[in-house]
Amino acid sequence: MRDFTVLIPARRASTRLPNKALADLGGKPMVVRVAETAAASGATRVLVATDDLEIAKAVREAGFEAILTRADHPSGTDRLAEAADLLGLDDDTLIVNLQGDEPRMPPELLRQLAQTLAQSADCAMATVAHPISTLAEFLSPSVVKVTLDARGRALNFSRAPIPFPRNAMPDFPAQLPANLPAVNGFKPLRHLGIYAYRVGFLRAFPKLSVAPLEEVESLEQLRALWHGYSILVTITNESPVAGVDTPADLERMRALYSEPHP
């Protein structure tokens, strides 16, 4: 198994839920819960990249590494690129990007993501998707969809319902039809926002011009496709617990951590 590092971008500011990185989940800050998930994946190293001293302090007090980055990064990927430079990582180092609001992401998915990228020299990135099971998910702009080519590489990401089955859904039924056509053996796929990269690509990404489709969809992974990079998509059959974006999400997550664990 190839060694890999998990980098967790975490910032203090959040439009919908300020200070969520430090929100309490069962007696620990959320960012620490995320670091624990990352450590359970078998990663060689786990670091939190943040622009905030309080976040860094909480992470270090929990026994994890934290690195301070600039506050003006437009995206988490840019923050991780700076972190890779500050750490002096080699271009071939495998990085998994786990968002700081995903404490219940299955650790085995992180490990699988890193290993599939290690075996795919033609791909700059790898990510994860799972089959969509409800019409509400399929139509929701909050749910990012992905389509694949014959080799499991991403063709497109969109907030729109793709691929759209024109003949199976002529008048938007109340649920996904049983005869929904499968593409590459899969029904519509929901993209999960975790990524693996080699550090060389991570350094190159912030220097790429912003893609028109990226601006329209507000999806930065479209920049990689726009510039000709391949993104490998790993399929998982189960939907992981959703991350935390809103106060309602935070209460849902707190309820999970209030339950007894073995």
Protein backbone atom coordinates (compact mmCIF):
# COMPACT_ATOMS: atom_id res chain seq x y z
CA MET A 1 0.00 0.00 0.00
CA ARG A 2 1.35 3.41 -0.96
CA ASP A 3 1.93 5.93 1.80
CA PHE A 4 -0.35 8.95 1.71
CA THR A 5 -0.95 12.14 3.67
CA VAL A 6 -4.35 13.57 4.59
CA LEU A 7 -4.56 17.36 4.50
CA ILE A 8 -7.63 18.96 6.07
CA PRO A 9 -8.38 22.57 5.06
CA ALA A 10 -10.15 24.46 7.86
CA ARG A 11 -10.95 28.15 8.14
CA ARG A 12 -12.66 30.20 10.80
CA ALA A 13 -14.98 32.10 8.46
CA SER A 14 -18.01 30.30 7.06
CA THR A 15 -20.90 31.97 5.28
CA ARG A 16 -23.64 29.66 6.53
CA LEU A 17 -22.15 28.47 9.81
CA PRO A 18 -19.43 30.64 11.38
CA ASN A 19 -16.84 28.91 13.63
CA LYS A 20 -18.06 25.47 12.59
CA ALA A 21 -14.53 24.02 12.67
CA LEU A 22 -14.56 24.52 16.45
CA ALA A 23 -18.18 23.44 16.98
CA ASP A 24 -18.47 20.86 19.75
CA LEU A 25 -19.21 17.28 18.73
CA GLY A 26 -19.43 15.00 21.72
CA GLY A 27 -16.86 16.98 23.71
CA LYS A 28 -14.36 17.60 20.89
CA PRO A 29 -14.12 20.30 18.20
CA MET A 30 -15.38 19.18 14.79
CA VAL A 31 -11.97 19.67 13.18
CA VAL A 32 -10.48 17.24 15.72
CA ARG A 33 -13.19 14.69 14.91
CA VAL A 34 -12.24 15.04 11.23
CA ALA A 35 -8.56 14.50 12.06
CA GLU A 36 -9.48 11.36 13.99
CA THR A 37 -11.33 10.06 10.94
CA ALA A 38 -8.29 10.78 8.80
CA ALA A 39 -5.97 8.99 11.21
CA ALA A 40 -8.22 5.91 11.13
CA SER A 41 -7.66 5.65 7.36
CA GLY A 42 -4.07 4.45 7.82
CA ALA A 43 -2.60 7.70 6.48
CA THR A 44 1.10 8.14 7.11
CA ARG A 45 0.51 11.73 8.21
CA VAL A 46 -2.51 13.89 9.07
CA LEU A 47 -2.34 17.69 9.06
CA VAL A 48 -4.85 20.50 9.36
CA ALA A 49 -4.12 23.54 7.15
CA THR A 50 -5.75 26.61 8.65
CA ASP A 51 -5.59 30.40 8.76
CA ASP A 52 -6.74 30.54 12.37
CA LEU A 53 -4.65 30.32 15.54
CA GLU A 54 -7.50 28.94 17.66
CA ILE A 55 -8.14 26.11 15.21
CA ALA A 56 -4.43 25.31 15.11
CA LYS A 57 -4.28 25.31 18.92
CA ALA A 58 -7.27 22.95 19.23
CA VAL A 59 -5.75 20.56 16.70
CA ARG A 60 -2.34 20.52 18.40
CA GLU A 61 -3.83 20.05 21.86
CA ALA A 62 -5.56 16.94 20.50
CA GLY A 63 -2.21 15.55 19.36
CA PHE A 64 -2.46 16.29 15.64
CA GLU A 65 -0.34 18.50 13.39
CA ALA A 66 -1.51 21.90 12.20
CA ILE A 67 0.07 24.33 9.76
CA LEU A 68 -0.80 28.01 9.43
CA THR A 69 -1.59 29.26 5.93
CA ARG A 70 -2.65 32.58 4.45
CA ALA A 71 -6.19 33.85 4.99
CA ASP A 72 -6.81 35.01 1.42
CA HIS A 73 -7.08 31.67 -0.38
CA PRO A 74 -10.11 31.45 -2.73
CA SER A 75 -10.52 27.70 -2.15
CA GLY A 76 -9.45 24.83 0.04
CA THR A 77 -7.34 23.45 -2.81
CA ASP A 78 -5.29 26.66 -2.91
CA ARG A 79 -4.80 26.40 0.86
CA LEU A 80 -3.53 22.84 0.51
CA ALA A 81 -1.15 23.85 -2.27
CA GLU A 82 0.44 26.41 0.07
CA ALA A 83 0.59 23.79 2.83
CA ALA A 84 2.38 21.34 0.52
CA ASP A 85 4.98 24.01 -0.27
CA LEU A 86 5.44 24.94 3.40
CA LEU A 87 5.93 21.27 4.24
CA GLY A 88 8.38 20.76 1.37
CA LEU A 89 6.53 17.69 0.08
CA ASP A 90 7.85 15.89 -3.02
CA ASP A 91 5.81 16.11 -6.22
CA ASP A 92 5.04 12.37 -6.08
CA THR A 93 3.56 12.50 -2.55
CA LEU A 94 -0.07 11.36 -2.47
CA ILE A 95 -2.42 13.81 -0.77
CA VAL A 96 -6.03 13.17 0.24
CA ASN A 97 -8.11 16.31 0.73
CA LEU A 98 -10.69 15.74 3.47
CA GLN A 99 -12.92 18.73 4.16
CA GLY A 100 -12.96 20.01 7.72
CA ASP A 101 -16.72 19.54 7.99
CA GLU A 102 -16.81 15.81 7.12
CA PRO A 103 -16.23 14.04 10.45
CA ARG A 104 -18.16 10.90 9.46
CA MET A 105 -16.53 10.20 6.11
CA PRO A 106 -15.66 6.45 6.10
CA PRO A 107 -11.89 6.11 6.69
CA GLU A 108 -11.69 3.20 4.24
CA LEU A 109 -12.88 5.51 1.46
CA LEU A 110 -9.90 7.80 2.06
CA ARG A 111 -7.53 4.83 1.87
CA GLN A 112 -9.21 3.47 -1.26
CA LEU A 113 -9.05 6.87 -2.93
CA ALA A 114 -5.31 7.19 -2.36
CA GLN A 115 -4.55 3.68 -3.57
CA THR A 116 -6.63 3.93 -6.76
CA LEU A 117 -4.84 7.16 -7.71
CA ALA A 118 -1.48 5.53 -7.00
CA GLN A 119 -2.38 2.85 -9.58
CA SER A 120 -3.54 5.36 -12.22
CA ALA A 121 -0.55 7.27 -13.54
CA ASP A 122 -2.61 8.94 -16.27
CA CYS A 123 -4.90 10.70 -13.77
CA ALA A 124 -4.11 13.93 -11.96
CA MET A 125 -6.87 13.51 -9.39
CA ALA A 126 -9.21 10.93 -7.94
CA THR A 127 -12.57 11.40 -6.26
CA VAL A 128 -15.62 9.42 -5.11
CA ALA A 129 -19.26 9.07 -6.18
CA HIS A 130 -22.23 6.92 -5.19
CA PRO A 131 -25.52 6.03 -6.93
CA ILE A 132 -28.41 8.43 -6.44
CA SER A 133 -31.54 6.79 -5.07
CA THR A 134 -34.18 9.55 -4.92
CA LEU A 135 -35.67 12.03 -7.33
CA ALA A 136 -35.11 14.85 -4.84
CA GLU A 137 -31.35 14.17 -4.88
CA PHE A 138 -31.30 13.90 -8.66
CA LEU A 139 -32.99 17.27 -9.13
CA SER A 140 -31.35 19.18 -6.26
CA PRO A 141 -28.71 21.76 -7.25
CA SER A 142 -27.05 21.11 -3.89
CA VAL A 143 -26.27 17.56 -5.02
CA VAL A 144 -23.37 17.53 -7.49
CA LYS A 145 -23.71 14.89 -10.19
CA VAL A 146 -20.93 13.29 -12.25
CA THR A 147 -20.87 11.31 -15.49
CA LEU A 148 -18.06 8.90 -16.44
CA ASP A 149 -16.33 7.61 -19.52
CA ALA A 150 -15.70 3.92 -20.26
CA ARG A 151 -12.61 3.83 -18.01
CA GLY A 152 -14.21 5.46 -14.99
CA ARG A 153 -12.82 8.91 -15.66
CA ALA A 154 -15.05 11.95 -15.09
CA LEU A 155 -16.69 13.40 -18.20
CA ASN A 156 -18.55 16.19 -16.44
CA PHE A 157 -19.70 17.47 -13.07
CA SER A 158 -22.89 19.48 -12.74
CA ARG A 159 -25.51 20.67 -10.28
CA ALA A 160 -28.08 19.86 -12.96
CA PRO A 161 -29.53 16.33 -13.27
CA ILE A 162 -27.07 14.43 -15.50
CA PRO A 163 -27.29 12.24 -17.44
CA PHE A 164 -30.88 13.27 -18.11
CA PRO A 165 -32.98 10.24 -19.19
CA ARG A 166 -35.29 11.97 -21.67
CA ASN A 167 -37.42 8.93 -22.50
CA ALA A 168 -37.71 7.60 -18.94
CA MET A 169 -38.68 10.95 -17.38
CA PRO A 170 -40.98 12.77 -19.82
CA ASP A 171 -42.97 14.53 -17.10
CA PHE A 172 -40.84 14.35 -13.94
CA PRO A 173 -42.47 11.48 -12.02
CA ALA A 174 -42.72 11.54 -8.21
CA GLN A 175 -39.78 9.14 -7.87
CA LEU A 176 -36.93 7.82 -9.93
CA PRO A 177 -38.41 5.33 -12.41
CA ALA A 178 -37.45 1.68 -12.10
CA ASN A 179 -36.51 1.66 -15.80
CA LEU A 180 -34.01 4.51 -15.42
CA PRO A 181 -31.22 3.63 -17.86
CA ALA A 182 -27.80 2.84 -16.43
CA VAL A 183 -24.62 4.27 -17.95
CA ASN A 184 -21.46 2.16 -17.46
CA GLY A 185 -23.61 -0.02 -15.20
CA PHE A 186 -24.54 2.84 -12.87
CA LYS A 187 -27.64 4.94 -12.37
CA PRO A 188 -27.06 8.70 -11.83
CA LEU A 189 -24.10 9.33 -9.55
CA ARG A 190 -23.68 11.81 -6.72
CA HIS A 191 -20.21 13.27 -6.37
CA LEU A 192 -18.66 13.36 -2.89
CA GLY A 193 -16.28 16.25 -2.23
CA ILE A 194 -13.17 14.32 -1.27
CA TYR A 195 -10.13 14.20 -3.54
CA ALA A 196 -6.72 12.63 -3.89
CA TYR A 197 -3.90 14.32 -5.79
CA ARG A 198 -0.20 14.06 -6.33
CA VAL A 199 1.55 17.11 -4.90
CA GLY A 200 2.88 18.07 -8.35
CA PHE A 201 -0.67 18.59 -9.61
CA LEU A 202 -1.74 20.27 -6.37
CA ARG A 203 1.01 22.86 -6.93
CA ALA A 204 -0.01 23.37 -10.56
CA PHE A 205 -3.76 23.73 -9.93
CA PRO A 206 -3.83 27.28 -8.45
CA LYS A 207 -1.87 28.53 -11.46
CA LEU A 208 -4.50 27.30 -13.94
CA SER A 209 -6.90 29.91 -15.26
CA VAL A 210 -10.43 29.68 -13.87
CA ALA A 211 -12.71 27.77 -16.26
CA PRO A 212 -15.96 29.34 -17.53
CA LEU A 213 -17.93 26.23 -16.49
CA GLU A 214 -16.33 26.40 -13.04
CA GLU A 215 -17.70 29.91 -12.59
CA VAL A 216 -21.16 28.96 -13.83
CA GLU A 217 -21.48 25.84 -11.66
CA SER A 218 -19.32 26.97 -8.70
CA LEU A 219 -17.40 23.67 -8.94
CA GLU A 220 -13.63 24.03 -8.93
CA GLN A 221 -13.00 20.44 -10.13
CA LEU A 222 -14.28 21.59 -13.54
CA ARG A 223 -11.08 23.62 -13.87
CA ALA A 224 -9.07 20.41 -14.04
CA LEU A 225 -11.31 18.96 -16.77
CA TRP A 226 -11.30 22.25 -18.69
CA HIS A 227 -7.50 22.17 -18.85
CA GLY A 228 -7.36 18.54 -19.98
CA TYR A 229 -6.54 16.72 -16.76
CA SER A 230 -8.15 13.33 -16.05
CA ILE A 231 -10.11 12.69 -12.85
CA LEU A 232 -10.55 9.08 -11.75
CA VAL A 233 -13.88 8.38 -10.02
CA THR A 234 -14.17 5.61 -7.43
CA ILE A 235 -17.69 4.28 -6.86
CA THR A 236 -19.03 3.39 -3.43
CA ASN A 237 -22.45 1.79 -3.13
CA GLU A 238 -23.29 3.43 0.19
CA SER A 239 -23.97 7.09 0.87
CA PRO A 240 -21.72 8.41 3.68
CA VAL A 241 -23.15 10.61 6.40
CA ALA A 242 -23.45 14.13 4.97
CA GLY A 243 -21.12 16.86 6.19
CA VAL A 244 -21.98 20.02 8.11
CA ASP A 245 -23.02 23.15 6.19
CA THR A 246 -25.92 24.58 8.19
CA PRO A 247 -27.10 24.83 11.81
CA ALA A 248 -29.54 21.98 11.11
CA ASP A 249 -26.65 19.83 9.84
CA LEU A 250 -24.71 20.59 13.01
CA GLU A 251 -27.58 19.46 15.23
CA ARG A 252 -27.94 16.26 13.17
CA MET A 253 -24.21 15.57 13.58
CA ARG A 254 -24.30 16.31 17.31
CA ALA A 255 -27.08 13.77 17.68
CA LEU A 256 -24.82 11.12 16.11
CA TYR A 257 -22.03 11.88 18.57
CA SER A 258 -24.44 11.74 21.50
CA GLU A 259 -25.18 8.11 20.70
CA PRO A 260 -23.14 5.45 22.55
CA HIS A 261 -20.27 3.97 20.57
CA PRO A 262 -18.69 0.54 21.01
